[in-house]
Amino acid sequence: MAKLAPVGPASSTRNSAFEAIPAGMACLLHAVTGMVFYVVGYFLIARPLQHAVLPRLPWIKTAAL
């Protein structure tokens, strides 16, 4: 079964930037990136673009797209 979380790239980035960081940091980096940057991207990119193109489209459809 394939892994869905890209922990491998996060681990390699962590290893190239720092040397003494715990192994679980890659999972934490992946989770925080998803929770923070998805929300920021939604509110700063997707939502203003949706308001400019289709202002009457409900927010839930914008989030799904």
PDB file of N, CA and C in Angstrom:
ATOM      1  N   MET A   1       0.842  -1.177   0.000  1.00  0.00           N
ATOM      2  CA  MET A   1       0.000   0.000   0.000  1.00  0.00           C
ATOM      3  C   MET A   1       0.888   1.241   0.000  1.00  0.00           C
ATOM      4  N   ALA A   2       0.520   2.225  -0.796  1.00  0.00           N
ATOM      5  CA  ALA A   2       1.302   3.452  -0.911  1.00  0.00           C
ATOM      6  C   ALA A   2       1.055   4.369   0.282  1.00  0.00           C
ATOM      7  N   LYS A   3       2.084   5.087   0.652  1.00  0.00           N
ATOM      8  CA  LYS A   3       1.949   6.080   1.709  1.00  0.00           C
ATOM      9  C   LYS A   3       1.436   7.372   1.097  1.00  0.00           C
ATOM     10  N   LEU A   4       0.490   8.015   1.761  1.00  0.00           N
ATOM     11  CA  LEU A   4      -0.072   9.263   1.247  1.00  0.00           C
ATOM     12  C   LEU A   4       0.728  10.484   1.671  1.00  0.00           C
ATOM     13  N   ALA A   5       1.309  10.451   2.843  1.00  0.00           N
ATOM     14  CA  ALA A   5       2.046  11.605   3.350  1.00  0.00           C
ATOM     15  C   ALA A   5       3.452  11.627   2.762  1.00  0.00           C
ATOM     16  N   PRO A   6       3.878  12.757   2.224  1.00  0.00           N
ATOM     17  CA  PRO A   6       5.235  12.850   1.664  1.00  0.00           C
ATOM     18  C   PRO A   6       6.273  13.116   2.751  1.00  0.00           C
ATOM     19  N   VAL A   7       6.410  12.157   3.645  1.00  0.00           N
ATOM     20  CA  VAL A   7       7.356  12.328   4.754  1.00  0.00           C
ATOM     21  C   VAL A   7       8.789  12.188   4.257  1.00  0.00           C
ATOM     22  N   GLY A   8       9.001  11.431   3.192  1.00  0.00           N
ATOM     23  CA  GLY A   8      10.345  11.269   2.631  1.00  0.00           C
ATOM     24  C   GLY A   8      10.971  12.585   2.221  1.00  0.00           C
ATOM     25  N   PRO A   9      10.272  13.405   1.399  1.00  0.00           N
ATOM     26  CA  PRO A   9      10.846  14.703   1.045  1.00  0.00           C
ATOM     27  C   PRO A   9      11.036  15.619   2.258  1.00  0.00           C
ATOM     28  N   ALA A  10      10.126  15.556   3.211  1.00  0.00           N
ATOM     29  CA  ALA A  10      10.285  16.365   4.420  1.00  0.00           C
ATOM     30  C   ALA A  10      11.512  15.915   5.203  1.00  0.00           C
ATOM     31  N   SER A  11      11.747  14.602   5.254  1.00  0.00           N
ATOM     32  CA  SER A  11      12.929  14.086   5.961  1.00  0.00           C
ATOM     33  C   SER A  11      14.216  14.509   5.268  1.00  0.00           C
ATOM     34  N   SER A  12      14.245  14.441   3.942  1.00  0.00           N
ATOM     35  CA  SER A  12      15.464  14.830   3.236  1.00  0.00           C
ATOM     36  C   SER A  12      15.732  16.328   3.366  1.00  0.00           C
ATOM     37  N   THR A  13      14.671  17.136   3.361  1.00  0.00           N
ATOM     38  CA  THR A  13      14.848  18.578   3.562  1.00  0.00           C
ATOM     39  C   THR A  13      15.378  18.855   4.961  1.00  0.00           C
ATOM     40  N   ARG A  14      14.800  18.169   5.940  1.00  0.00           N
ATOM     41  CA  ARG A  14      15.244  18.347   7.325  1.00  0.00           C
ATOM     42  C   ARG A  14      16.698  17.932   7.470  1.00  0.00           C
ATOM     43  N   ASN A  15      17.070  16.808   6.850  1.00  0.00           N
ATOM     44  CA  ASN A  15      18.446  16.320   6.980  1.00  0.00           C
ATOM     45  C   ASN A  15      19.443  17.231   6.279  1.00  0.00           C
ATOM     46  N   SER A  16      19.040  17.875   5.169  1.00  0.00           N
ATOM     47  CA  SER A  16      19.978  18.760   4.483  1.00  0.00           C
ATOM     48  C   SER A  16      20.113  20.105   5.199  1.00  0.00           C
ATOM     49  N   ALA A  17      19.053  20.546   5.866  1.00  0.00           N
ATOM     50  CA  ALA A  17      19.104  21.836   6.541  1.00  0.00           C
ATOM     51  C   ALA A  17      19.687  21.735   7.946  1.00  0.00           C
ATOM     52  N   PHE A  18      19.335  20.678   8.667  1.00  0.00           N
ATOM     53  CA  PHE A  18      19.765  20.505  10.053  1.00  0.00           C
ATOM     54  C   PHE A  18      20.264  19.084  10.230  1.00  0.00           C
ATOM     55  N   GLU A  19      21.089  18.861  11.240  1.00  0.00           N
ATOM     56  CA  GLU A  19      21.595  17.519  11.463  1.00  0.00           C
ATOM     57  C   GLU A  19      21.013  16.867  12.710  1.00  0.00           C
ATOM     58  N   ALA A  20      20.775  17.601  13.767  1.00  0.00           N
ATOM     59  CA  ALA A  20      20.376  17.007  15.036  1.00  0.00           C
ATOM     60  C   ALA A  20      18.908  17.299  15.350  1.00  0.00           C
ATOM     61  N   ILE A  21      18.010  16.781  14.532  1.00  0.00           N
ATOM     62  CA  ILE A  21      16.577  16.985  14.759  1.00  0.00           C
ATOM     63  C   ILE A  21      15.923  15.609  14.878  1.00  0.00           C
ATOM     64  N   PRO A  22      14.986  15.422  15.804  1.00  0.00           N
ATOM     65  CA  PRO A  22      14.356  14.112  15.995  1.00  0.00           C
ATOM     66  C   PRO A  22      13.669  13.592  14.732  1.00  0.00           C
ATOM     67  N   ALA A  23      13.555  12.273  14.630  1.00  0.00           N
ATOM     68  CA  ALA A  23      12.990  11.630  13.449  1.00  0.00           C
ATOM     69  C   ALA A  23      11.518  11.988  13.228  1.00  0.00           C
ATOM     70  N   GLY A  24      10.744  12.200  14.261  1.00  0.00           N
ATOM     71  CA  GLY A  24       9.339  12.533  14.130  1.00  0.00           C
ATOM     72  C   GLY A  24       9.085  13.946  13.619  1.00  0.00           C
ATOM     73  N   MET A  25      10.139  14.707  13.469  1.00  0.00           N
ATOM     74  CA  MET A  25       9.994  16.085  13.009  1.00  0.00           C
ATOM     75  C   MET A  25       9.477  16.154  11.579  1.00  0.00           C
ATOM     76  N   ALA A  26       9.766  15.161  10.745  1.00  0.00           N
ATOM     77  CA  ALA A  26       9.279  15.165   9.365  1.00  0.00           C
ATOM     78  C   ALA A  26       7.755  15.071   9.335  1.00  0.00           C
ATOM     79  N   CYS A  27       7.190  14.230  10.172  1.00  0.00           N
ATOM     80  CA  CYS A  27       5.726  14.117  10.246  1.00  0.00           C
ATOM     81  C   CYS A  27       5.121  15.420  10.777  1.00  0.00           C
ATOM     82  N   LEU A  28       5.744  16.004  11.760  1.00  0.00           N
ATOM     83  CA  LEU A  28       5.267  17.271  12.307  1.00  0.00           C
ATOM     84  C   LEU A  28       5.355  18.382  11.262  1.00  0.00           C
ATOM     85  N   LEU A  29       6.452  18.422  10.520  1.00  0.00           N
ATOM     86  CA  LEU A  29       6.620  19.413   9.466  1.00  0.00           C
ATOM     87  C   LEU A  29       5.532  19.259   8.398  1.00  0.00           C
ATOM     88  N   HIS A  30       5.234  18.035   8.020  1.00  0.00           N
ATOM     89  CA  HIS A  30       4.193  17.774   7.026  1.00  0.00           C
ATOM     90  C   HIS A  30       2.814  18.207   7.545  1.00  0.00           C
ATOM     91  N   ALA A  31       2.506  17.887   8.783  1.00  0.00           N
ATOM     92  CA  ALA A  31       1.197  18.231   9.355  1.00  0.00           C
ATOM     93  C   ALA A  31       1.024  19.745   9.498  1.00  0.00           C
ATOM     94  N   VAL A  32       2.036  20.411  10.008  1.00  0.00           N
ATOM     95  CA  VAL A  32       1.949  21.866  10.201  1.00  0.00           C
ATOM     96  C   VAL A  32       1.865  22.573   8.849  1.00  0.00           C
ATOM     97  N   THR A  33       2.631  22.118   7.887  1.00  0.00           N
ATOM     98  CA  THR A  33       2.581  22.716   6.558  1.00  0.00           C
ATOM     99  C   THR A  33       1.185  22.593   5.970  1.00  0.00           C
ATOM    100  N   GLY A  34       0.580  21.419   6.095  1.00  0.00           N
ATOM    101  CA  GLY A  34      -0.765  21.231   5.570  1.00  0.00           C
ATOM    102  C   GLY A  34      -1.801  22.065   6.292  1.00  0.00           C
ATOM    103  N   MET A  35      -1.708  22.134   7.592  1.00  0.00           N
ATOM    104  CA  MET A  35      -2.708  22.881   8.360  1.00  0.00           C
ATOM    105  C   MET A  35      -2.547  24.393   8.202  1.00  0.00           C
ATOM    106  N   VAL A  36      -1.336  24.874   8.112  1.00  0.00           N
ATOM    107  CA  VAL A  36      -1.112  26.312   8.031  1.00  0.00           C
ATOM    108  C   VAL A  36      -1.215  26.809   6.593  1.00  0.00           C
ATOM    109  N   PHE A  37      -0.463  26.206   5.684  1.00  0.00           N
ATOM    110  CA  PHE A  37      -0.388  26.739   4.332  1.00  0.00           C
ATOM    111  C   PHE A  37      -1.634  26.460   3.508  1.00  0.00           C
ATOM    112  N   TYR A  38      -2.368  25.403   3.803  1.00  0.00           N
ATOM    113  CA  TYR A  38      -3.629  25.190   3.112  1.00  0.00           C
ATOM    114  C   TYR A  38      -4.613  26.300   3.473  1.00  0.00           C
ATOM    115  N   VAL A  39      -4.700  26.630   4.734  1.00  0.00           N
ATOM    116  CA  VAL A  39      -5.615  27.676   5.196  1.00  0.00           C
ATOM    117  C   VAL A  39      -5.196  29.038   4.652  1.00  0.00           C
ATOM    118  N   VAL A  40      -3.910  29.335   4.707  1.00  0.00           N
ATOM    119  CA  VAL A  40      -3.421  30.610   4.193  1.00  0.00           C
ATOM    120  C   VAL A  40      -3.673  30.710   2.693  1.00  0.00           C
ATOM    121  N   GLY A  41      -3.408  29.644   1.968  1.00  0.00           N
ATOM    122  CA  GLY A  41      -3.662  29.639   0.530  1.00  0.00           C
ATOM    123  C   GLY A  41      -5.129  29.795   0.206  1.00  0.00           C
ATOM    124  N   TYR A  42      -5.965  29.188   1.010  1.00  0.00           N
ATOM    125  CA  TYR A  42      -7.407  29.315   0.781  1.00  0.00           C
ATOM    126  C   TYR A  42      -7.866  30.759   0.954  1.00  0.00           C
ATOM    127  N   PHE A  43      -7.469  31.378   2.059  1.00  0.00           N
ATOM    128  CA  PHE A  43      -7.939  32.730   2.344  1.00  0.00           C
ATOM    129  C   PHE A  43      -7.239  33.815   1.527  1.00  0.00           C
ATOM    130  N   LEU A  44      -5.989  33.604   1.127  1.00  0.00           N
ATOM    131  CA  LEU A  44      -5.263  34.640   0.394  1.00  0.00           C
ATOM    132  C   LEU A  44      -5.280  34.460  -1.121  1.00  0.00           C
ATOM    133  N   ILE A  45      -5.562  33.236  -1.608  1.00  0.00           N
ATOM    134  CA  ILE A  45      -5.538  32.992  -3.050  1.00  0.00           C
ATOM    135  C   ILE A  45      -6.899  32.540  -3.571  1.00  0.00           C
ATOM    136  N   ALA A  46      -7.403  31.428  -3.062  1.00  0.00           N
ATOM    137  CA  ALA A  46      -8.625  30.834  -3.617  1.00  0.00           C
ATOM    138  C   ALA A  46      -9.851  31.706  -3.386  1.00  0.00           C
ATOM    139  N   ARG A  47     -10.022  32.186  -2.193  1.00  0.00           N
ATOM    140  CA  ARG A  47     -11.227  32.964  -1.871  1.00  0.00           C
ATOM    141  C   ARG A  47     -11.277  34.305  -2.619  1.00  0.00           C
ATOM    142  N   PRO A  48     -10.194  35.106  -2.652  1.00  0.00           N
ATOM    143  CA  PRO A  48     -10.253  36.347  -3.441  1.00  0.00           C
ATOM    144  C   PRO A  48     -10.442  36.091  -4.941  1.00  0.00           C
ATOM    145  N   LEU A  49      -9.824  35.036  -5.449  1.00  0.00           N
ATOM    146  CA  LEU A  49      -9.999  34.687  -6.858  1.00  0.00           C
ATOM    147  C   LEU A  49     -11.442  34.286  -7.138  1.00  0.00           C
ATOM    148  N   GLN A  50     -12.028  33.534  -6.243  1.00  0.00           N
ATOM    149  CA  GLN A  50     -13.418  33.128  -6.391  1.00  0.00           C
ATOM    150  C   GLN A  50     -14.343  34.334  -6.343  1.00  0.00           C
ATOM    151  N   HIS A  51     -14.078  35.280  -5.465  1.00  0.00           N
ATOM    152  CA  HIS A  51     -14.905  36.490  -5.382  1.00  0.00           C
ATOM    153  C   HIS A  51     -14.795  37.337  -6.654  1.00  0.00           C
ATOM    154  N   ALA A  52     -13.635  37.315  -7.288  1.00  0.00           N
ATOM    155  CA  ALA A  52     -13.452  38.094  -8.508  1.00  0.00           C
ATOM    156  C   ALA A  52     -14.116  37.437  -9.715  1.00  0.00           C
ATOM    157  N   VAL A  53     -14.097  36.097  -9.766  1.00  0.00           N
ATOM    158  CA  VAL A  53     -14.610  35.393 -10.940  1.00  0.00           C
ATOM    159  C   VAL A  53     -16.081  35.025 -10.782  1.00  0.00           C
ATOM    160  N   LEU A  54     -16.425  34.361  -9.707  1.00  0.00           N
ATOM    161  CA  LEU A  54     -17.799  33.918  -9.456  1.00  0.00           C
ATOM    162  C   LEU A  54     -18.213  34.331  -8.042  1.00  0.00           C
ATOM    163  N   PRO A  55     -18.662  35.567  -7.860  1.00  0.00           N
ATOM    164  CA  PRO A  55     -18.939  36.059  -6.502  1.00  0.00           C
ATOM    165  C   PRO A  55     -20.092  35.356  -5.793  1.00  0.00           C
ATOM    166  N   ARG A  56     -21.000  34.727  -6.512  1.00  0.00           N
ATOM    167  CA  ARG A  56     -22.140  34.073  -5.860  1.00  0.00           C
ATOM    168  C   ARG A  56     -21.901  32.591  -5.558  1.00  0.00           C
ATOM    169  N   LEU A  57     -20.732  32.071  -5.908  1.00  0.00           N
ATOM    170  CA  LEU A  57     -20.411  30.672  -5.640  1.00  0.00           C
ATOM    171  C   LEU A  57     -20.242  30.467  -4.132  1.00  0.00           C
ATOM    172  N   PRO A  58     -20.895  29.459  -3.550  1.00  0.00           N
ATOM    173  CA  PRO A  58     -20.767  29.223  -2.100  1.00  0.00           C
ATOM    174  C   PRO A  58     -19.326  28.851  -1.703  1.00  0.00           C
ATOM    175  N   TRP A  59     -18.955  29.192  -0.497  1.00  0.00           N
ATOM    176  CA  TRP A  59     -17.583  28.953  -0.031  1.00  0.00           C
ATOM    177  C   TRP A  59     -17.240  27.480  -0.019  1.00  0.00           C
ATOM    178  N   ILE A  60     -18.204  26.598   0.231  1.00  0.00           N
ATOM    179  CA  ILE A  60     -17.899  25.163   0.301  1.00  0.00           C
ATOM    180  C   ILE A  60     -17.506  24.616  -1.056  1.00  0.00           C
ATOM    181  N   LYS A  61     -18.093  25.161  -2.124  1.00  0.00           N
ATOM    182  CA  LYS A  61     -17.686  24.725  -3.471  1.00  0.00           C
ATOM    183  C   LYS A  61     -16.313  25.247  -3.822  1.00  0.00           C
ATOM    184  N   THR A  62     -15.978  26.438  -3.361  1.00  0.00           N
ATOM    185  CA  THR A  62     -14.636  26.968  -3.577  1.00  0.00           C
ATOM    186  C   THR A  62     -13.602  26.094  -2.857  1.00  0.00           C
ATOM    187  N   ALA A  63     -13.906  25.697  -1.637  1.00  0.00           N
ATOM    188  CA  ALA A  63     -12.980  24.856  -0.878  1.00  0.00           C
ATOM    189  C   ALA A  63     -12.808  23.494  -1.529  1.00  0.00           C
ATOM    190  N   ALA A  64     -13.885  22.950  -2.085  1.00  0.00           N
ATOM    191  CA  ALA A  64     -13.802  21.643  -2.744  1.00  0.00           C
ATOM    192  C   ALA A  64     -12.969  21.705  -4.008  1.00  0.00           C
ATOM    193  N   LEU A  65     -13.082  22.811  -4.739  1.00  0.00           N
ATOM    194  CA  LEU A  65     -12.302  22.960  -5.959  1.00  0.00           C
ATOM    195  C   LEU A  65     -10.851  23.222  -5.659  1.00  0.00           C
TER     196      LEU A  65
END
